[in-house]
């Protein structure tokens, strides 16, 4: 786990709280981790199942292309590094 200064998902500077996201879920054999904001971590898991994340792997472009996640990224772009708010899941 290499320390990073920017969030893997949104590329904003990291704040005091950092979580480690497995692009390929640990339950699906993933070992690599990426530093993310807690709110970004929750947004990923609110919008993708472990099976979907396994298929996408570390394809950041595919994650960011998802309409719901793209909306989240536009919304969070100007927020402070330690900003947090409730995360809403995908409407099914």
C-alpha atoms as a PDB file:
ATOM      1  CA  UNK A   1       0.000   0.000   0.000  1.00  0.00           C
ATOM      2  CA  UNK A   2       1.843   3.037  -1.212  1.00  0.00           C
ATOM      3  CA  UNK A   3       0.817   6.350   0.314  1.00  0.00           C
ATOM      4  CA  UNK A   4      -0.755   8.674  -2.188  1.00  0.00           C
ATOM      5  CA  UNK A   5      -1.634  12.349  -1.943  1.00  0.00           C
ATOM      6  CA  UNK A   6      -4.652  12.152  -4.273  1.00  0.00           C
ATOM      7  CA  UNK A   7      -7.792  10.030  -4.316  1.00  0.00           C
ATOM      8  CA  UNK A   8      -7.682   7.238  -6.908  1.00  0.00           C
ATOM      9  CA  UNK A   9     -11.298   7.902  -7.966  1.00  0.00           C
ATOM     10  CA  UNK A  10     -11.856  11.672  -7.889  1.00  0.00           C
ATOM     11  CA  UNK A  11      -8.231  12.872  -7.931  1.00  0.00           C
ATOM     12  CA  UNK A  12      -8.891  15.471  -5.214  1.00  0.00           C
ATOM     13  CA  UNK A  13      -6.232  15.783  -2.484  1.00  0.00           C
ATOM     14  CA  UNK A  14      -6.739  13.255   0.288  1.00  0.00           C
ATOM     15  CA  UNK A  15      -7.784  14.489   3.729  1.00  0.00           C
ATOM     16  CA  UNK A  16      -7.222  13.152   7.221  1.00  0.00           C
ATOM     17  CA  UNK A  17      -9.383  10.070   6.664  1.00  0.00           C
ATOM     18  CA  UNK A  18      -8.242   7.660   3.987  1.00  0.00           C
ATOM     19  CA  UNK A  19      -9.792   4.327   3.063  1.00  0.00           C
ATOM     20  CA  UNK A  20      -8.247   1.613   0.909  1.00  0.00           C
ATOM     21  CA  UNK A  21     -10.309   0.329  -2.020  1.00  0.00           C
ATOM     22  CA  UNK A  22      -9.636  -2.997  -3.736  1.00  0.00           C
ATOM     23  CA  UNK A  23     -10.374  -2.377  -7.484  1.00  0.00           C
ATOM     24  CA  UNK A  24     -10.888  -6.135  -7.743  1.00  0.00           C
ATOM     25  CA  UNK A  25     -12.747  -7.038  -4.526  1.00  0.00           C
ATOM     26  CA  UNK A  26     -10.789  -9.000  -1.960  1.00  0.00           C
ATOM     27  CA  UNK A  27     -13.582 -11.614  -2.005  1.00  0.00           C
ATOM     28  CA  UNK A  28     -12.898 -12.074  -5.730  1.00  0.00           C
ATOM     29  CA  UNK A  29      -9.126 -12.458  -5.342  1.00  0.00           C
ATOM     30  CA  UNK A  30      -8.063  -8.811  -5.480  1.00  0.00           C
ATOM     31  CA  UNK A  31      -4.886  -7.808  -3.670  1.00  0.00           C
ATOM     32  CA  UNK A  32      -4.067  -4.320  -4.962  1.00  0.00           C
ATOM     33  CA  UNK A  33      -5.439  -1.357  -2.993  1.00  0.00           C
ATOM     34  CA  UNK A  34      -5.943   2.297  -3.864  1.00  0.00           C
ATOM     35  CA  UNK A  35      -6.250   5.274  -1.493  1.00  0.00           C
ATOM     36  CA  UNK A  36      -9.673   6.929  -1.669  1.00  0.00           C
ATOM     37  CA  UNK A  37     -11.833   9.341   0.323  1.00  0.00           C
ATOM     38  CA  UNK A  38     -14.464   7.586   2.466  1.00  0.00           C
ATOM     39  CA  UNK A  39     -17.244   9.269   0.432  1.00  0.00           C
ATOM     40  CA  UNK A  40     -15.676   8.075  -2.840  1.00  0.00           C
ATOM     41  CA  UNK A  41     -15.335   4.543  -1.473  1.00  0.00           C
ATOM     42  CA  UNK A  42     -19.005   4.495  -0.533  1.00  0.00           C
ATOM     43  CA  UNK A  43     -20.017   5.862  -3.936  1.00  0.00           C
ATOM     44  CA  UNK A  44     -18.156   3.031  -5.684  1.00  0.00           C
ATOM     45  CA  UNK A  45     -19.837   0.345  -3.590  1.00  0.00           C
ATOM     46  CA  UNK A  46     -23.256   2.021  -3.787  1.00  0.00           C
ATOM     47  CA  UNK A  47     -23.163   1.818  -7.575  1.00  0.00           C
ATOM     48  CA  UNK A  48     -21.335  -1.433  -8.353  1.00  0.00           C
ATOM     49  CA  UNK A  49     -21.645  -5.009  -7.121  1.00  0.00           C
ATOM     50  CA  UNK A  50     -18.536  -7.060  -6.344  1.00  0.00           C
ATOM     51  CA  UNK A  51     -19.113  -8.986  -9.575  1.00  0.00           C
ATOM     52  CA  UNK A  52     -19.177  -5.780 -11.607  1.00  0.00           C
ATOM     53  CA  UNK A  53     -16.030  -4.530  -9.867  1.00  0.00           C
ATOM     54  CA  UNK A  54     -14.297  -7.834 -10.590  1.00  0.00           C
ATOM     55  CA  UNK A  55     -15.102  -7.482 -14.307  1.00  0.00           C
ATOM     56  CA  UNK A  56     -13.982  -3.842 -14.402  1.00  0.00           C
ATOM     57  CA  UNK A  57     -10.836  -4.403 -12.342  1.00  0.00           C
ATOM     58  CA  UNK A  58      -8.700  -1.268 -12.173  1.00  0.00           C
ATOM     59  CA  UNK A  59     -10.326   0.225 -15.307  1.00  0.00           C
ATOM     60  CA  UNK A  60     -10.808   3.679 -13.835  1.00  0.00           C
ATOM     61  CA  UNK A  61     -12.154   5.074 -17.112  1.00  0.00           C
ATOM     62  CA  UNK A  62     -14.980   2.502 -17.097  1.00  0.00           C
ATOM     63  CA  UNK A  63     -15.883   3.362 -13.494  1.00  0.00           C
ATOM     64  CA  UNK A  64     -15.905   7.082 -14.220  1.00  0.00           C
ATOM     65  CA  UNK A  65     -18.004   6.548 -17.385  1.00  0.00           C
ATOM     66  CA  UNK A  66     -20.908   5.117 -15.380  1.00  0.00           C
ATOM     67  CA  UNK A  67     -23.620   7.835 -15.429  1.00  0.00           C
ATOM     68  CA  UNK A  68     -24.352   7.720 -11.692  1.00  0.00           C
ATOM     69  CA  UNK A  69     -20.686   7.800 -10.735  1.00  0.00           C
ATOM     70  CA  UNK A  70     -19.992  10.548 -13.300  1.00  0.00           C
ATOM     71  CA  UNK A  71     -22.714  12.667 -11.653  1.00  0.00           C
ATOM     72  CA  UNK A  72     -21.171  12.010  -8.240  1.00  0.00           C
ATOM     73  CA  UNK A  73     -17.700  12.999  -9.499  1.00  0.00           C
ATOM     74  CA  UNK A  74     -19.019  16.287 -10.937  1.00  0.00           C
ATOM     75  CA  UNK A  75     -20.786  17.023  -7.655  1.00  0.00           C
ATOM     76  CA  UNK A  76     -17.833  16.199  -5.376  1.00  0.00           C
ATOM     77  CA  UNK A  77     -15.182  17.907  -7.551  1.00  0.00           C
ATOM     78  CA  UNK A  78     -15.165  21.223  -5.676  1.00  0.00           C
ATOM     79  CA  UNK A  79     -15.578  19.823  -2.166  1.00  0.00           C
ATOM     80  CA  UNK A  80     -12.929  19.966   0.569  1.00  0.00           C
ATOM     81  CA  UNK A  81     -10.734  16.877   1.060  1.00  0.00           C
ATOM     82  CA  UNK A  82     -12.482  15.942   4.328  1.00  0.00           C
ATOM     83  CA  UNK A  83     -16.010  16.626   3.036  1.00  0.00           C
ATOM     84  CA  UNK A  84     -18.509  13.900   3.814  1.00  0.00           C
ATOM     85  CA  UNK A  85     -22.240  13.463   3.249  1.00  0.00           C
ATOM     86  CA  UNK A  86     -24.657  10.531   3.184  1.00  0.00           C
ATOM     87  CA  UNK A  87     -24.192   8.314   0.137  1.00  0.00           C
ATOM     88  CA  UNK A  88     -27.252   7.232  -1.807  1.00  0.00           C
ATOM     89  CA  UNK A  89     -27.247   3.975  -3.719  1.00  0.00           C
ATOM     90  CA  UNK A  90     -28.292   3.461  -7.300  1.00  0.00           C
ATOM     91  CA  UNK A  91     -32.036   3.717  -7.824  1.00  0.00           C
ATOM     92  CA  UNK A  92     -33.175   0.390  -9.180  1.00  0.00           C
END
